[in-house]
Amino acid sequence: MVAYEDMIRATATPWAPWYVVPADHKWFTRAVVAGAFIDALASLDLEYPEVGKAKRAELASARKALHASQEPPAR
């Protein structure tokens, strides 16, 4: 057990931490992993990118072309 603890202490970093997760009960293990995952995502402080008017127009044109290509042929 000491070797595991030494390895974790020596290799864990703030940007790449180790998580020691109990594995006695699958439901609990999954809950702990999900919690760690949610915390990691929340710490990233992600935001949607800002899209300018020109890019919005380009995307609208592409969307229109895509929808037109998926319409069934006229009879």
C-alpha atoms as a PDB file:
ATOM      1  CA  MET A   1       0.000   0.000   0.000  1.00  0.00           C
ATOM      2  CA  VAL A   2       2.888   2.362   0.768  1.00  0.00           C
ATOM      3  CA  ALA A   3       4.241   1.936  -2.781  1.00  0.00           C
ATOM      4  CA  TYR A   4       0.863   2.963  -4.241  1.00  0.00           C
ATOM      5  CA  GLU A   5       0.698   6.031  -2.027  1.00  0.00           C
ATOM      6  CA  ASP A   6       4.265   7.016  -2.942  1.00  0.00           C
ATOM      7  CA  MET A   7       3.549   6.578  -6.650  1.00  0.00           C
ATOM      8  CA  ILE A   8       0.416   8.718  -6.481  1.00  0.00           C
ATOM      9  CA  ARG A   9       2.152  11.471  -4.511  1.00  0.00           C
ATOM     10  CA  ALA A  10       5.119  11.466  -6.907  1.00  0.00           C
ATOM     11  CA  THR A  11       3.092  11.555 -10.129  1.00  0.00           C
ATOM     12  CA  ALA A  12      -0.044  13.582  -9.340  1.00  0.00           C
ATOM     13  CA  THR A  13       0.080  17.216 -10.399  1.00  0.00           C
ATOM     14  CA  PRO A  14      -2.428  20.090 -10.229  1.00  0.00           C
ATOM     15  CA  TRP A  15      -3.011  19.799 -13.994  1.00  0.00           C
ATOM     16  CA  ALA A  16      -3.125  15.964 -14.003  1.00  0.00           C
ATOM     17  CA  PRO A  17      -4.346  14.741 -10.621  1.00  0.00           C
ATOM     18  CA  TRP A  18      -4.940  11.160  -9.592  1.00  0.00           C
ATOM     19  CA  TYR A  19      -8.272  10.108  -8.148  1.00  0.00           C
ATOM     20  CA  VAL A  20      -8.362   7.123  -5.831  1.00  0.00           C
ATOM     21  CA  VAL A  21     -11.834   5.650  -6.117  1.00  0.00           C
ATOM     22  CA  PRO A  22     -13.324   2.907  -3.931  1.00  0.00           C
ATOM     23  CA  ALA A  23     -14.381  -0.099  -6.001  1.00  0.00           C
ATOM     24  CA  ASP A  24     -16.321  -2.160  -3.456  1.00  0.00           C
ATOM     25  CA  HIS A  25     -19.707  -1.196  -4.915  1.00  0.00           C
ATOM     26  CA  LYS A  26     -20.138  -0.311  -8.586  1.00  0.00           C
ATOM     27  CA  TRP A  27     -22.918   2.206  -7.953  1.00  0.00           C
ATOM     28  CA  PHE A  28     -20.790   4.116  -5.452  1.00  0.00           C
ATOM     29  CA  THR A  29     -17.694   3.976  -7.664  1.00  0.00           C
ATOM     30  CA  ARG A  30     -19.677   5.417 -10.561  1.00  0.00           C
ATOM     31  CA  ALA A  31     -21.101   8.177  -8.361  1.00  0.00           C
ATOM     32  CA  VAL A  32     -17.612   9.179  -7.153  1.00  0.00           C
ATOM     33  CA  VAL A  33     -16.228   9.182 -10.708  1.00  0.00           C
ATOM     34  CA  ALA A  34     -19.193  11.226 -11.970  1.00  0.00           C
ATOM     35  CA  GLY A  35     -18.653  13.743  -9.156  1.00  0.00           C
ATOM     36  CA  ALA A  36     -14.944  14.075  -9.977  1.00  0.00           C
ATOM     37  CA  PHE A  37     -15.786  14.489 -13.656  1.00  0.00           C
ATOM     38  CA  ILE A  38     -18.374  17.200 -12.945  1.00  0.00           C
ATOM     39  CA  ASP A  39     -15.937  19.058 -10.678  1.00  0.00           C
ATOM     40  CA  ALA A  40     -13.211  18.900 -13.342  1.00  0.00           C
ATOM     41  CA  LEU A  41     -15.561  20.249 -16.015  1.00  0.00           C
ATOM     42  CA  ALA A  42     -16.823  23.024 -13.746  1.00  0.00           C
ATOM     43  CA  SER A  43     -13.254  24.107 -12.955  1.00  0.00           C
ATOM     44  CA  LEU A  44     -12.582  24.706 -16.673  1.00  0.00           C
ATOM     45  CA  ASP A  45     -14.972  27.686 -16.666  1.00  0.00           C
ATOM     46  CA  LEU A  46     -15.969  27.063 -20.287  1.00  0.00           C
ATOM     47  CA  GLU A  47     -17.967  29.559 -22.354  1.00  0.00           C
ATOM     48  CA  TYR A  48     -19.536  29.475 -25.788  1.00  0.00           C
ATOM     49  CA  PRO A  49     -17.504  31.404 -28.352  1.00  0.00           C
ATOM     50  CA  GLU A  50     -18.835  34.721 -29.598  1.00  0.00           C
ATOM     51  CA  VAL A  51     -20.000  34.568 -33.212  1.00  0.00           C
ATOM     52  CA  GLY A  52     -20.015  37.737 -35.295  1.00  0.00           C
ATOM     53  CA  LYS A  53     -22.646  38.816 -37.805  1.00  0.00           C
ATOM     54  CA  ALA A  54     -20.668  37.659 -40.851  1.00  0.00           C
ATOM     55  CA  LYS A  55     -20.133  34.179 -39.418  1.00  0.00           C
ATOM     56  CA  ARG A  56     -23.824  33.902 -38.437  1.00  0.00           C
ATOM     57  CA  ALA A  57     -24.813  34.720 -42.014  1.00  0.00           C
ATOM     58  CA  GLU A  58     -22.362  32.127 -43.341  1.00  0.00           C
ATOM     59  CA  LEU A  59     -23.741  29.483 -40.961  1.00  0.00           C
ATOM     60  CA  ALA A  60     -27.346  30.331 -41.906  1.00  0.00           C
ATOM     61  CA  SER A  61     -26.467  29.920 -45.588  1.00  0.00           C
ATOM     62  CA  ALA A  62     -24.803  26.570 -44.923  1.00  0.00           C
ATOM     63  CA  ARG A  63     -27.807  25.408 -42.889  1.00  0.00           C
ATOM     64  CA  LYS A  64     -30.168  26.398 -45.698  1.00  0.00           C
ATOM     65  CA  ALA A  65     -28.055  24.503 -48.261  1.00  0.00           C
ATOM     66  CA  LEU A  66     -27.936  21.441 -46.034  1.00  0.00           C
ATOM     67  CA  HIS A  67     -31.702  21.401 -45.544  1.00  0.00           C
ATOM     68  CA  ALA A  68     -32.251  21.878 -49.284  1.00  0.00           C
ATOM     69  CA  SER A  69     -30.035  18.877 -50.051  1.00  0.00           C
ATOM     70  CA  GLN A  70     -32.087  16.662 -47.697  1.00  0.00           C
ATOM     71  CA  GLU A  71     -35.510  17.466 -49.170  1.00  0.00           C
ATOM     72  CA  PRO A  72     -37.145  14.628 -51.118  1.00  0.00           C
ATOM     73  CA  PRO A  73     -37.256  15.146 -54.893  1.00  0.00           C
ATOM     74  CA  ALA A  74     -40.346  16.821 -56.332  1.00  0.00           C
ATOM     75  CA  ARG A  75     -42.812  14.570 -58.167  1.00  0.00           C
END
